[in-house]
Amino acid sequence: MYNDTLNGSTEKRSAELPDAVGPIVQLQEKLYVPVKEYPDL
């Protein structure tokens, strides 16, 4: 369910998605962040 209260709408909408076709896969991507430049991450 999705409730868009930030835009003032209180109407609830449900996402109706089509049936899945094909195999289920999980994709990952590594993100390298320089520690010396961004120590807080």
PDB file of N, CA and C in Angstrom:
ATOM      1  N   MET A   1       0.839  -1.183   0.000  1.00  0.00           N
ATOM      2  CA  MET A   1       0.000   0.000   0.000  1.00  0.00           C
ATOM      3  C   MET A   1       0.880   1.241   0.000  1.00  0.00           C
ATOM      4  N   TYR A   2       0.423   2.262  -0.661  1.00  0.00           N
ATOM      5  CA  TYR A   2       1.167   3.511  -0.750  1.00  0.00           C
ATOM      6  C   TYR A   2       0.253   4.636  -0.302  1.00  0.00           C
ATOM      7  N   ASN A   3       0.725   5.418   0.637  1.00  0.00           N
ATOM      8  CA  ASN A   3      -0.083   6.516   1.151  1.00  0.00           C
ATOM      9  C   ASN A   3       0.709   7.801   0.965  1.00  0.00           C
ATOM     10  N   ASP A   4       0.245   8.675   0.086  1.00  0.00           N
ATOM     11  CA  ASP A   4       0.967   9.893  -0.248  1.00  0.00           C
ATOM     12  C   ASP A   4       0.466  11.049   0.602  1.00  0.00           C
ATOM     13  N   THR A   5       0.865  11.070   1.881  1.00  0.00           N
ATOM     14  CA  THR A   5       0.399  12.131   2.768  1.00  0.00           C
ATOM     15  C   THR A   5       1.215  13.408   2.608  1.00  0.00           C
ATOM     16  N   LEU A   6       2.403  13.334   2.012  1.00  0.00           N
ATOM     17  CA  LEU A   6       3.217  14.535   1.837  1.00  0.00           C
ATOM     18  C   LEU A   6       2.577  15.501   0.845  1.00  0.00           C
ATOM     19  N   ASN A   7       1.881  14.980  -0.146  1.00  0.00           N
ATOM     20  CA  ASN A   7       1.239  15.835  -1.139  1.00  0.00           C
ATOM     21  C   ASN A   7      -0.207  16.131  -0.787  1.00  0.00           C
ATOM     22  N   GLY A   8      -0.654  15.748   0.405  1.00  0.00           N
ATOM     23  CA  GLY A   8      -2.000  16.047   0.846  1.00  0.00           C
ATOM     24  C   GLY A   8      -3.027  15.003   0.469  1.00  0.00           C
ATOM     25  N   SER A   9      -2.630  13.977  -0.229  1.00  0.00           N
ATOM     26  CA  SER A   9      -3.572  12.941  -0.643  1.00  0.00           C
ATOM     27  C   SER A   9      -3.628  11.865   0.424  1.00  0.00           C
ATOM     28  N   THR A  10      -4.820  11.496   0.837  1.00  0.00           N
ATOM     29  CA  THR A  10      -4.970  10.435   1.835  1.00  0.00           C
ATOM     30  C   THR A  10      -5.554   9.178   1.205  1.00  0.00           C
ATOM     31  N   GLU A  11      -5.710   9.181  -0.107  1.00  0.00           N
ATOM     32  CA  GLU A  11      -6.248   8.016  -0.813  1.00  0.00           C
ATOM     33  C   GLU A  11      -5.206   6.899  -0.824  1.00  0.00           C
ATOM     34  N   LYS A  12      -5.618   5.687  -0.465  1.00  0.00           N
ATOM     35  CA  LYS A  12      -4.694   4.557  -0.461  1.00  0.00           C
ATOM     36  C   LYS A  12      -4.751   3.869  -1.816  1.00  0.00           C
ATOM     37  N   ARG A  13      -3.578   3.627  -2.372  1.00  0.00           N
ATOM     38  CA  ARG A  13      -3.486   2.949  -3.662  1.00  0.00           C
ATOM     39  C   ARG A  13      -2.628   1.709  -3.495  1.00  0.00           C
ATOM     40  N   SER A  14      -3.017   0.614  -4.103  1.00  0.00           N
ATOM     41  CA  SER A  14      -2.201  -0.590  -4.048  1.00  0.00           C
ATOM     42  C   SER A  14      -1.536  -0.783  -5.400  1.00  0.00           C
ATOM     43  N   ALA A  15      -0.305  -1.232  -5.369  1.00  0.00           N
ATOM     44  CA  ALA A  15       0.432  -1.459  -6.599  1.00  0.00           C
ATOM     45  C   ALA A  15       0.046  -2.823  -7.149  1.00  0.00           C
ATOM     46  N   GLU A  16      -0.490  -2.830  -8.356  1.00  0.00           N
ATOM     47  CA  GLU A  16      -0.833  -4.089  -9.002  1.00  0.00           C
ATOM     48  C   GLU A  16       0.205  -4.335 -10.085  1.00  0.00           C
ATOM     49  N   LEU A  17       1.056  -5.302  -9.841  1.00  0.00           N
ATOM     50  CA  LEU A  17       2.143  -5.605 -10.752  1.00  0.00           C
ATOM     51  C   LEU A  17       1.805  -6.839 -11.577  1.00  0.00           C
ATOM     52  N   PRO A  18       2.339  -6.941 -12.780  1.00  0.00           N
ATOM     53  CA  PRO A  18       2.103  -8.144 -13.584  1.00  0.00           C
ATOM     54  C   PRO A  18       2.857  -9.328 -12.997  1.00  0.00           C
ATOM     55  N   ASP A  19       2.456 -10.533 -13.399  1.00  0.00           N
ATOM     56  CA  ASP A  19       3.144 -11.736 -12.944  1.00  0.00           C
ATOM     57  C   ASP A  19       4.584 -11.721 -13.439  1.00  0.00           C
ATOM     58  N   ALA A  20       5.476 -12.263 -12.623  1.00  0.00           N
ATOM     59  CA  ALA A  20       6.894 -12.299 -12.965  1.00  0.00           C
ATOM     60  C   ALA A  20       7.136 -13.275 -14.110  1.00  0.00           C
ATOM     61  N   VAL A  21       8.038 -12.895 -15.012  1.00  0.00           N
ATOM     62  CA  VAL A  21       8.413 -13.753 -16.128  1.00  0.00           C
ATOM     63  C   VAL A  21       9.922 -13.929 -16.066  1.00  0.00           C
ATOM     64  N   GLY A  22      10.386 -15.168 -16.035  1.00  0.00           N
ATOM     65  CA  GLY A  22      11.811 -15.430 -16.010  1.00  0.00           C
ATOM     66  C   GLY A  22      12.312 -15.681 -14.601  1.00  0.00           C
ATOM     67  N   PRO A  23      13.600 -15.981 -14.478  1.00  0.00           N
ATOM     68  CA  PRO A  23      14.167 -16.294 -13.165  1.00  0.00           C
ATOM     69  C   PRO A  23      14.304 -15.050 -12.291  1.00  0.00           C
ATOM     70  N   ILE A  24      14.280 -15.261 -10.985  1.00  0.00           N
ATOM     71  CA  ILE A  24      14.492 -14.181 -10.023  1.00  0.00           C
ATOM     72  C   ILE A  24      15.992 -14.054  -9.793  1.00  0.00           C
ATOM     73  N   VAL A  25      16.518 -12.856  -9.934  1.00  0.00           N
ATOM     74  CA  VAL A  25      17.950 -12.620  -9.753  1.00  0.00           C
ATOM     75  C   VAL A  25      18.153 -11.502  -8.751  1.00  0.00           C
ATOM     76  N   GLN A  26      19.304 -11.519  -8.083  1.00  0.00           N
ATOM     77  CA  GLN A  26      19.687 -10.444  -7.173  1.00  0.00           C
ATOM     78  C   GLN A  26      20.943  -9.804  -7.734  1.00  0.00           C
ATOM     79  N   LEU A  27      20.899  -8.489  -7.925  1.00  0.00           N
ATOM     80  CA  LEU A  27      22.037  -7.764  -8.468  1.00  0.00           C
ATOM     81  C   LEU A  27      22.668  -6.923  -7.374  1.00  0.00           C
ATOM     82  N   GLN A  28      23.993  -6.892  -7.365  1.00  0.00           N
ATOM     83  CA  GLN A  28      24.723  -6.093  -6.387  1.00  0.00           C
ATOM     84  C   GLN A  28      25.817  -5.326  -7.106  1.00  0.00           C
ATOM     85  N   GLU A  29      26.111  -4.148  -6.601  1.00  0.00           N
ATOM     86  CA  GLU A  29      27.210  -3.359  -7.134  1.00  0.00           C
ATOM     87  C   GLU A  29      27.967  -2.766  -5.960  1.00  0.00           C
ATOM     88  N   LYS A  30      29.275  -2.965  -5.956  1.00  0.00           N
ATOM     89  CA  LYS A  30      30.088  -2.418  -4.873  1.00  0.00           C
ATOM     90  C   LYS A  30      30.449  -0.978  -5.196  1.00  0.00           C
ATOM     91  N   LEU A  31      30.399  -0.155  -4.177  1.00  0.00           N
ATOM     92  CA  LEU A  31      30.737   1.256  -4.318  1.00  0.00           C
ATOM     93  C   LEU A  31      31.923   1.537  -3.411  1.00  0.00           C
ATOM     94  N   TYR A  32      33.022   1.936  -4.010  1.00  0.00           N
ATOM     95  CA  TYR A  32      34.221   2.230  -3.235  1.00  0.00           C
ATOM     96  C   TYR A  32      34.271   3.718  -2.918  1.00  0.00           C
ATOM     97  N   VAL A  33      34.393   4.035  -1.632  1.00  0.00           N
ATOM     98  CA  VAL A  33      34.449   5.422  -1.184  1.00  0.00           C
ATOM     99  C   VAL A  33      35.804   5.650  -0.526  1.00  0.00           C
ATOM    100  N   PRO A  34      36.553   6.661  -0.964  1.00  0.00           N
ATOM    101  CA  PRO A  34      37.845   6.948  -0.336  1.00  0.00           C
ATOM    102  C   PRO A  34      37.652   7.365   1.129  1.00  0.00           C
ATOM    103  N   VAL A  35      38.222   6.596   2.045  1.00  0.00           N
ATOM    104  CA  VAL A  35      38.036   6.839   3.475  1.00  0.00           C
ATOM    105  C   VAL A  35      38.687   8.153   3.903  1.00  0.00           C
ATOM    106  N   LYS A  36      39.816   8.483   3.311  1.00  0.00           N
ATOM    107  CA  LYS A  36      40.498   9.720   3.702  1.00  0.00           C
ATOM    108  C   LYS A  36      39.688  10.956   3.315  1.00  0.00           C
ATOM    109  N   GLU A  37      38.965  10.882   2.207  1.00  0.00           N
ATOM    110  CA  GLU A  37      38.174  12.029   1.765  1.00  0.00           C
ATOM    111  C   GLU A  37      36.805  12.081   2.428  1.00  0.00           C
ATOM    112  N   TYR A  38      36.251  10.919   2.780  1.00  0.00           N
ATOM    113  CA  TYR A  38      34.911  10.839   3.382  1.00  0.00           C
ATOM    114  C   TYR A  38      34.956   9.955   4.625  1.00  0.00           C
ATOM    115  N   PRO A  39      35.553  10.429   5.722  1.00  0.00           N
ATOM    116  CA  PRO A  39      35.712   9.572   6.911  1.00  0.00           C
ATOM    117  C   PRO A  39      34.402   9.246   7.619  1.00  0.00           C
ATOM    118  N   ASP A  40      33.337  10.023   7.398  1.00  0.00           N
ATOM    119  CA  ASP A  40      32.083   9.779   8.112  1.00  0.00           C
ATOM    120  C   ASP A  40      31.232   8.694   7.473  1.00  0.00           C
ATOM    121  N   LEU A  41      31.566   8.245   6.277  1.00  0.00           N
ATOM    122  CA  LEU A  41      30.780   7.211   5.619  1.00  0.00           C
ATOM    123  C   LEU A  41      31.310   5.911   6.041  1.00  0.00           C
TER     124      LEU A  41
END
